[in-house]
Amino acid sequence: MTTPQRTLRAAFWIALLAFLAWDYAASPKVDLRFEAPLIAAGSGQATHGGHCSMPAGK
């Protein structure tokens, strides 16, 4: 592998790790009490979210 390729590869991984560190530090902490279950099918929980889950007429 040539030096320019190593430099580009190292720059990519450093940039990716820097972005992930920044995202982790800047994001609000996850509150596990209010997270939806991984599999909610048939659980009886009401759907919520985007416009497609809103009742018609609202």
N, C-alpha and C. Protein backbone atom coordinates (compact mmCIF):
# COMPACT_ATOMS: atom_id res chain seq x y z
N MET A 1 0.86 -1.17 0.00
CA MET A 1 0.00 0.00 0.00
C MET A 1 0.91 1.24 0.00
N THR A 2 0.55 2.21 -0.82
CA THR A 2 1.37 3.40 -0.92
C THR A 2 1.06 4.39 0.19
N THR A 3 1.93 5.34 0.38
CA THR A 3 1.78 6.33 1.45
C THR A 3 0.53 7.18 1.29
N PRO A 4 0.18 7.68 0.07
CA PRO A 4 -1.06 8.47 -0.04
C PRO A 4 -2.30 7.66 0.34
N GLN A 5 -2.31 6.38 0.01
CA GLN A 5 -3.45 5.54 0.39
C GLN A 5 -3.54 5.39 1.90
N ARG A 6 -2.40 5.19 2.56
CA ARG A 6 -2.40 5.08 4.02
C ARG A 6 -2.86 6.37 4.67
N THR A 7 -2.42 7.49 4.11
CA THR A 7 -2.80 8.79 4.65
C THR A 7 -4.30 9.00 4.52
N LEU A 8 -4.84 8.69 3.34
CA LEU A 8 -6.29 8.85 3.14
C LEU A 8 -7.08 7.91 4.04
N ARG A 9 -6.61 6.69 4.18
CA ARG A 9 -7.31 5.72 5.04
C ARG A 9 -7.28 6.17 6.50
N ALA A 10 -6.13 6.64 6.96
CA ALA A 10 -6.01 7.13 8.33
C ALA A 10 -6.87 8.37 8.54
N ALA A 11 -6.88 9.28 7.56
CA ALA A 11 -7.71 10.48 7.68
C ALA A 11 -9.18 10.12 7.75
N PHE A 12 -9.61 9.14 6.95
CA PHE A 12 -11.00 8.70 6.99
C PHE A 12 -11.38 8.18 8.37
N TRP A 13 -10.56 7.29 8.94
CA TRP A 13 -10.89 6.70 10.24
C TRP A 13 -10.83 7.73 11.36
N ILE A 14 -9.89 8.65 11.28
CA ILE A 14 -9.81 9.71 12.29
C ILE A 14 -11.04 10.60 12.20
N ALA A 15 -11.44 10.96 10.98
CA ALA A 15 -12.63 11.80 10.80
C ALA A 15 -13.89 11.08 11.28
N LEU A 16 -14.00 9.79 10.97
CA LEU A 16 -15.18 9.02 11.40
C LEU A 16 -15.24 8.93 12.92
N LEU A 17 -14.12 8.62 13.55
CA LEU A 17 -14.11 8.52 15.02
C LEU A 17 -14.37 9.87 15.67
N ALA A 18 -13.84 10.94 15.08
CA ALA A 18 -14.10 12.28 15.61
C ALA A 18 -15.58 12.62 15.51
N PHE A 19 -16.20 12.28 14.39
CA PHE A 19 -17.63 12.53 14.22
C PHE A 19 -18.45 11.74 15.23
N LEU A 20 -18.13 10.48 15.42
CA LEU A 20 -18.87 9.65 16.37
C LEU A 20 -18.71 10.17 17.80
N ALA A 21 -17.51 10.61 18.15
CA ALA A 21 -17.28 11.17 19.48
C ALA A 21 -18.08 12.46 19.67
N TRP A 22 -18.06 13.31 18.65
CA TRP A 22 -18.84 14.56 18.72
C TRP A 22 -20.33 14.27 18.82
N ASP A 23 -20.84 13.33 18.02
CA ASP A 23 -22.26 13.00 18.04
C ASP A 23 -22.67 12.45 19.41
N TYR A 24 -21.84 11.60 19.99
CA TYR A 24 -22.14 11.04 21.31
C TYR A 24 -22.16 12.14 22.37
N ALA A 25 -21.23 13.07 22.29
CA ALA A 25 -21.15 14.15 23.28
C ALA A 25 -22.27 15.16 23.10
N ALA A 26 -22.70 15.41 21.87
CA ALA A 26 -23.69 16.45 21.60
C ALA A 26 -25.13 15.96 21.72
N SER A 27 -25.34 14.66 21.64
CA SER A 27 -26.71 14.11 21.67
C SER A 27 -27.23 14.03 23.09
N PRO A 28 -28.56 14.21 23.25
CA PRO A 28 -29.12 14.02 24.59
C PRO A 28 -29.03 12.55 24.99
N LYS A 29 -28.93 12.33 26.26
CA LYS A 29 -28.82 10.96 26.75
C LYS A 29 -30.13 10.22 26.51
N VAL A 30 -30.05 8.93 26.24
CA VAL A 30 -31.21 8.10 25.96
C VAL A 30 -31.88 7.75 27.28
N ASP A 31 -33.19 8.02 27.35
CA ASP A 31 -33.97 7.65 28.52
C ASP A 31 -34.64 6.31 28.23
N LEU A 32 -34.11 5.25 28.80
CA LEU A 32 -34.60 3.91 28.48
C LEU A 32 -36.02 3.66 28.95
N ARG A 33 -36.54 4.46 29.88
CA ARG A 33 -37.91 4.27 30.35
C ARG A 33 -38.93 4.62 29.28
N PHE A 34 -38.57 5.53 28.36
CA PHE A 34 -39.52 5.98 27.36
C PHE A 34 -39.21 5.47 25.96
N GLU A 35 -38.26 4.58 25.85
CA GLU A 35 -37.95 3.98 24.56
C GLU A 35 -39.00 2.92 24.22
N ALA A 36 -39.33 2.84 22.95
CA ALA A 36 -40.28 1.81 22.51
C ALA A 36 -39.60 0.45 22.60
N PRO A 37 -40.38 -0.60 22.87
CA PRO A 37 -39.78 -1.93 22.90
C PRO A 37 -39.29 -2.33 21.50
N LEU A 38 -38.33 -3.23 21.45
CA LEU A 38 -37.80 -3.64 20.15
C LEU A 38 -38.89 -4.29 19.30
N ILE A 39 -39.69 -5.11 19.90
CA ILE A 39 -40.78 -5.77 19.18
C ILE A 39 -42.08 -5.39 19.89
N ALA A 40 -42.87 -4.50 19.26
CA ALA A 40 -44.09 -4.02 19.89
C ALA A 40 -45.35 -4.59 19.24
N ALA A 41 -45.19 -5.49 18.29
CA ALA A 41 -46.34 -6.04 17.58
C ALA A 41 -47.22 -6.83 18.56
N GLY A 42 -48.48 -6.44 18.64
CA GLY A 42 -49.41 -7.14 19.51
C GLY A 42 -49.26 -6.81 20.97
N SER A 43 -48.50 -5.78 21.32
CA SER A 43 -48.28 -5.46 22.72
C SER A 43 -49.40 -4.61 23.30
N GLY A 44 -50.26 -4.05 22.43
CA GLY A 44 -51.33 -3.20 22.91
C GLY A 44 -50.92 -1.75 23.05
N GLN A 45 -49.68 -1.42 22.78
CA GLN A 45 -49.24 -0.04 22.87
C GLN A 45 -49.76 0.73 21.67
N ALA A 46 -50.18 1.96 21.95
CA ALA A 46 -50.66 2.81 20.87
C ALA A 46 -49.51 3.25 19.99
N THR A 47 -49.80 3.34 18.70
CA THR A 47 -48.76 3.80 17.78
C THR A 47 -48.63 5.31 17.90
N HIS A 48 -47.44 5.79 17.67
CA HIS A 48 -47.19 7.22 17.66
C HIS A 48 -46.01 7.47 16.75
N GLY A 49 -45.90 8.69 16.30
CA GLY A 49 -44.76 9.00 15.45
C GLY A 49 -45.14 9.96 14.36
N GLY A 50 -44.95 9.56 13.14
CA GLY A 50 -45.14 10.43 11.99
C GLY A 50 -46.59 10.71 11.65
N HIS A 51 -46.78 11.45 10.58
CA HIS A 51 -48.12 11.86 10.19
C HIS A 51 -48.99 10.68 9.79
N CYS A 52 -48.40 9.59 9.34
CA CYS A 52 -49.22 8.48 8.88
C CYS A 52 -49.89 7.72 10.04
N SER A 53 -49.46 7.96 11.27
CA SER A 53 -50.07 7.26 12.40
C SER A 53 -51.10 8.14 13.11
N MET A 54 -51.30 9.36 12.60
CA MET A 54 -52.30 10.25 13.22
C MET A 54 -53.68 9.88 12.74
N PRO A 55 -54.71 10.04 13.59
CA PRO A 55 -56.07 9.76 13.14
C PRO A 55 -56.47 10.69 12.01
N ALA A 56 -57.34 10.20 11.15
CA ALA A 56 -57.82 11.01 10.04
C ALA A 56 -58.62 12.19 10.57
N GLY A 57 -58.51 13.33 9.91
CA GLY A 57 -59.25 14.50 10.30
C GLY A 57 -58.50 15.43 11.22
N LYS A 58 -57.30 15.11 11.56
CA LYS A 58 -56.51 16.00 12.44
C LYS A 58 -55.42 16.65 11.67
